[in-house]
Amino acid sequence: MADFYINVFLDDEKLKKLEAAGLSGKVKDIGGKKAVQVEMSQKEQKKLVKGFPDLAFDASNACVLPADAANTLLNIVADMKTVDVMKVAIMKLYSPLKGRDVFGRGTGGR
């Protein structure tokens, strides 16, 4: 059982994409909307919170990513044909060097 979840809510187009990937059995009804839940560990959750400081988790430890990130995650799920994708997805969703200078740390600005 996972520590945390990402809920990706589905419209008709996204639902068809998941069905084409053979994942229609992973679609759940959450609050009256169709969604797919992607599990993540506590370590992955901490990275996402750093990358998306506005993430809010509900009582069931689930969150909803911003639209662009949710679309990226859904594409990864459809391409890999599984919802167990956080080890791959975290690399695309969380970029610790985003916004940093190309010289990085420890170079003295050379």
C-alpha atoms as a PDB file:
ATOM      1  CA  MET A   1       0.000   0.000   0.000  1.00  0.00           C
ATOM      2  CA  ALA A   2       1.289   3.440  -0.928  1.00  0.00           C
ATOM      3  CA  ASP A   3       1.863   6.304   1.453  1.00  0.00           C
ATOM      4  CA  PHE A   4       0.450   8.963  -0.873  1.00  0.00           C
ATOM      5  CA  TYR A   5      -1.547   9.238  -4.109  1.00  0.00           C
ATOM      6  CA  ILE A   6      -1.905  11.575  -7.044  1.00  0.00           C
ATOM      7  CA  ASN A   7      -5.430  11.791  -8.415  1.00  0.00           C
ATOM      8  CA  VAL A   8      -5.567  12.475 -12.146  1.00  0.00           C
ATOM      9  CA  PHE A   9      -9.137  13.361 -13.097  1.00  0.00           C
ATOM     10  CA  LEU A  10     -10.222  12.225 -16.534  1.00  0.00           C
ATOM     11  CA  ASP A  11     -12.291  13.809 -19.257  1.00  0.00           C
ATOM     12  CA  ASP A  12     -13.547  11.733 -22.218  1.00  0.00           C
ATOM     13  CA  GLU A  13     -10.317  12.184 -24.209  1.00  0.00           C
ATOM     14  CA  LYS A  14      -8.079  11.156 -21.303  1.00  0.00           C
ATOM     15  CA  LEU A  15     -10.336   8.212 -20.504  1.00  0.00           C
ATOM     16  CA  LYS A  16     -10.063   6.958 -24.103  1.00  0.00           C
ATOM     17  CA  LYS A  17      -6.274   7.269 -23.874  1.00  0.00           C
ATOM     18  CA  LEU A  18      -6.222   5.048 -20.770  1.00  0.00           C
ATOM     19  CA  GLU A  19      -8.627   2.557 -22.308  1.00  0.00           C
ATOM     20  CA  ALA A  20      -6.373   2.323 -25.392  1.00  0.00           C
ATOM     21  CA  ALA A  21      -3.468   1.532 -23.055  1.00  0.00           C
ATOM     22  CA  GLY A  22      -5.508  -1.263 -21.456  1.00  0.00           C
ATOM     23  CA  LEU A  23      -5.892   0.527 -18.127  1.00  0.00           C
ATOM     24  CA  SER A  24      -9.669   0.900 -17.928  1.00  0.00           C
ATOM     25  CA  GLY A  25      -9.611  -1.345 -14.835  1.00  0.00           C
ATOM     26  CA  LYS A  26      -7.543   1.266 -12.984  1.00  0.00           C
ATOM     27  CA  VAL A  27     -10.164   4.012 -13.371  1.00  0.00           C
ATOM     28  CA  LYS A  28     -11.917   4.859 -10.105  1.00  0.00           C
ATOM     29  CA  ASP A  29     -14.839   7.064  -9.124  1.00  0.00           C
ATOM     30  CA  ILE A  30     -13.561   9.801  -6.800  1.00  0.00           C
ATOM     31  CA  GLY A  31     -16.087  12.367  -5.656  1.00  0.00           C
ATOM     32  CA  GLY A  32     -18.373  11.610  -8.587  1.00  0.00           C
ATOM     33  CA  LYS A  33     -15.594  12.070 -11.162  1.00  0.00           C
ATOM     34  CA  LYS A  34     -13.606   9.456 -13.024  1.00  0.00           C
ATOM     35  CA  ALA A  35      -9.929   9.421 -12.050  1.00  0.00           C
ATOM     36  CA  VAL A  36      -6.843   7.287 -11.966  1.00  0.00           C
ATOM     37  CA  GLN A  37      -4.737   7.128  -8.790  1.00  0.00           C
ATOM     38  CA  VAL A  38      -0.961   6.979  -9.047  1.00  0.00           C
ATOM     39  CA  GLU A  39       0.773   5.737  -5.912  1.00  0.00           C
ATOM     40  CA  MET A  40       3.900   7.373  -4.544  1.00  0.00           C
ATOM     41  CA  SER A  41       6.196   6.909  -1.584  1.00  0.00           C
ATOM     42  CA  GLN A  42       6.834   9.446   1.145  1.00  0.00           C
ATOM     43  CA  LYS A  43      10.205  10.285  -0.416  1.00  0.00           C
ATOM     44  CA  GLU A  44       8.569  10.983  -3.797  1.00  0.00           C
ATOM     45  CA  GLN A  45       5.891  13.062  -2.057  1.00  0.00           C
ATOM     46  CA  LYS A  46       8.553  15.245  -0.439  1.00  0.00           C
ATOM     47  CA  LYS A  47      10.153  15.876  -3.840  1.00  0.00           C
ATOM     48  CA  LEU A  48       6.812  16.828  -5.366  1.00  0.00           C
ATOM     49  CA  VAL A  49       6.070  19.237  -2.523  1.00  0.00           C
ATOM     50  CA  LYS A  50       9.436  20.910  -3.186  1.00  0.00           C
ATOM     51  CA  GLY A  51       8.620  21.159  -6.881  1.00  0.00           C
ATOM     52  CA  PHE A  52       4.990  22.193  -6.322  1.00  0.00           C
ATOM     53  CA  PRO A  53       4.801  24.073  -2.994  1.00  0.00           C
ATOM     54  CA  ASP A  54       1.035  24.670  -3.386  1.00  0.00           C
ATOM     55  CA  LEU A  55       0.135  20.954  -3.381  1.00  0.00           C
ATOM     56  CA  ALA A  56      -2.600  20.156  -0.893  1.00  0.00           C
ATOM     57  CA  PHE A  57      -3.250  16.635   0.392  1.00  0.00           C
ATOM     58  CA  ASP A  58      -6.672  15.481   1.554  1.00  0.00           C
ATOM     59  CA  ALA A  59      -7.531  13.099   4.413  1.00  0.00           C
ATOM     60  CA  SER A  60      -6.704  10.080   2.240  1.00  0.00           C
ATOM     61  CA  ASN A  61      -3.210  11.490   1.472  1.00  0.00           C
ATOM     62  CA  ALA A  62      -4.155  12.271  -2.131  1.00  0.00           C
ATOM     63  CA  CYS A  63      -3.373  15.398  -4.133  1.00  0.00           C
ATOM     64  CA  VAL A  64      -4.074  16.838  -7.565  1.00  0.00           C
ATOM     65  CA  LEU A  65      -1.182  18.160  -9.658  1.00  0.00           C
ATOM     66  CA  PRO A  66      -1.378  21.336 -11.738  1.00  0.00           C
ATOM     67  CA  ALA A  67      -2.801  20.717 -15.232  1.00  0.00           C
ATOM     68  CA  ASP A  68       0.516  20.558 -17.133  1.00  0.00           C
ATOM     69  CA  ALA A  69       2.090  18.159 -14.642  1.00  0.00           C
ATOM     70  CA  ALA A  70      -1.063  16.012 -14.543  1.00  0.00           C
ATOM     71  CA  ASN A  71      -1.010  15.749 -18.353  1.00  0.00           C
ATOM     72  CA  THR A  72       2.667  14.761 -18.274  1.00  0.00           C
ATOM     73  CA  LEU A  73       1.936  12.096 -15.659  1.00  0.00           C
ATOM     74  CA  LEU A  74      -1.036  10.758 -17.629  1.00  0.00           C
ATOM     75  CA  ASN A  75       1.092  10.514 -20.777  1.00  0.00           C
ATOM     76  CA  ILE A  76       3.725   8.525 -18.863  1.00  0.00           C
ATOM     77  CA  VAL A  77       1.031   6.216 -17.463  1.00  0.00           C
ATOM     78  CA  ALA A  78      -0.426   5.633 -20.944  1.00  0.00           C
ATOM     79  CA  ASP A  79       2.996   5.092 -22.555  1.00  0.00           C
ATOM     80  CA  MET A  80       4.175   2.632 -19.896  1.00  0.00           C
ATOM     81  CA  LYS A  81       0.723   0.976 -19.628  1.00  0.00           C
ATOM     82  CA  THR A  82       0.852   0.908 -15.827  1.00  0.00           C
ATOM     83  CA  VAL A  83       0.061   3.251 -12.930  1.00  0.00           C
ATOM     84  CA  ASP A  84       3.282   2.256 -11.156  1.00  0.00           C
ATOM     85  CA  VAL A  85       5.306   5.025 -12.818  1.00  0.00           C
ATOM     86  CA  MET A  86       6.484   7.387 -10.084  1.00  0.00           C
ATOM     87  CA  LYS A  87      10.124   6.310 -10.252  1.00  0.00           C
ATOM     88  CA  VAL A  88      10.168   7.465 -13.895  1.00  0.00           C
ATOM     89  CA  ALA A  89       7.672  10.314 -13.569  1.00  0.00           C
ATOM     90  CA  ILE A  90       9.436  11.999 -10.656  1.00  0.00           C
ATOM     91  CA  MET A  91      12.366  12.782 -12.968  1.00  0.00           C
ATOM     92  CA  LYS A  92      10.084  14.675 -15.348  1.00  0.00           C
ATOM     93  CA  LEU A  93       7.884  16.302 -12.702  1.00  0.00           C
ATOM     94  CA  TYR A  94      10.519  17.347 -10.161  1.00  0.00           C
ATOM     95  CA  SER A  95      13.478  19.330 -11.425  1.00  0.00           C
ATOM     96  CA  PRO A  96      15.721  20.389  -8.518  1.00  0.00           C
ATOM     97  CA  LEU A  97      17.933  22.475 -10.825  1.00  0.00           C
ATOM     98  CA  LYS A  98      15.065  24.382 -12.427  1.00  0.00           C
ATOM     99  CA  GLY A  99      15.811  28.098 -12.444  1.00  0.00           C
ATOM    100  CA  ARG A 100      19.455  27.693 -11.407  1.00  0.00           C
ATOM    101  CA  ASP A 101      22.369  29.273 -13.164  1.00  0.00           C
ATOM    102  CA  VAL A 102      24.274  26.966 -15.501  1.00  0.00           C
ATOM    103  CA  PHE A 103      27.371  27.333 -13.334  1.00  0.00           C
ATOM    104  CA  GLY A 104      25.686  25.687 -10.342  1.00  0.00           C
ATOM    105  CA  ARG A 105      27.046  25.542  -6.824  1.00  0.00           C
ATOM    106  CA  GLY A 106      30.664  25.613  -5.809  1.00  0.00           C
ATOM    107  CA  THR A 107      32.088  27.200  -8.921  1.00  0.00           C
ATOM    108  CA  GLY A 108      32.589  30.649  -7.462  1.00  0.00           C
ATOM    109  CA  GLY A 109      30.772  32.173 -10.428  1.00  0.00           C
ATOM    110  CA  ARG A 110      33.519  31.309 -12.902  1.00  0.00           C
END
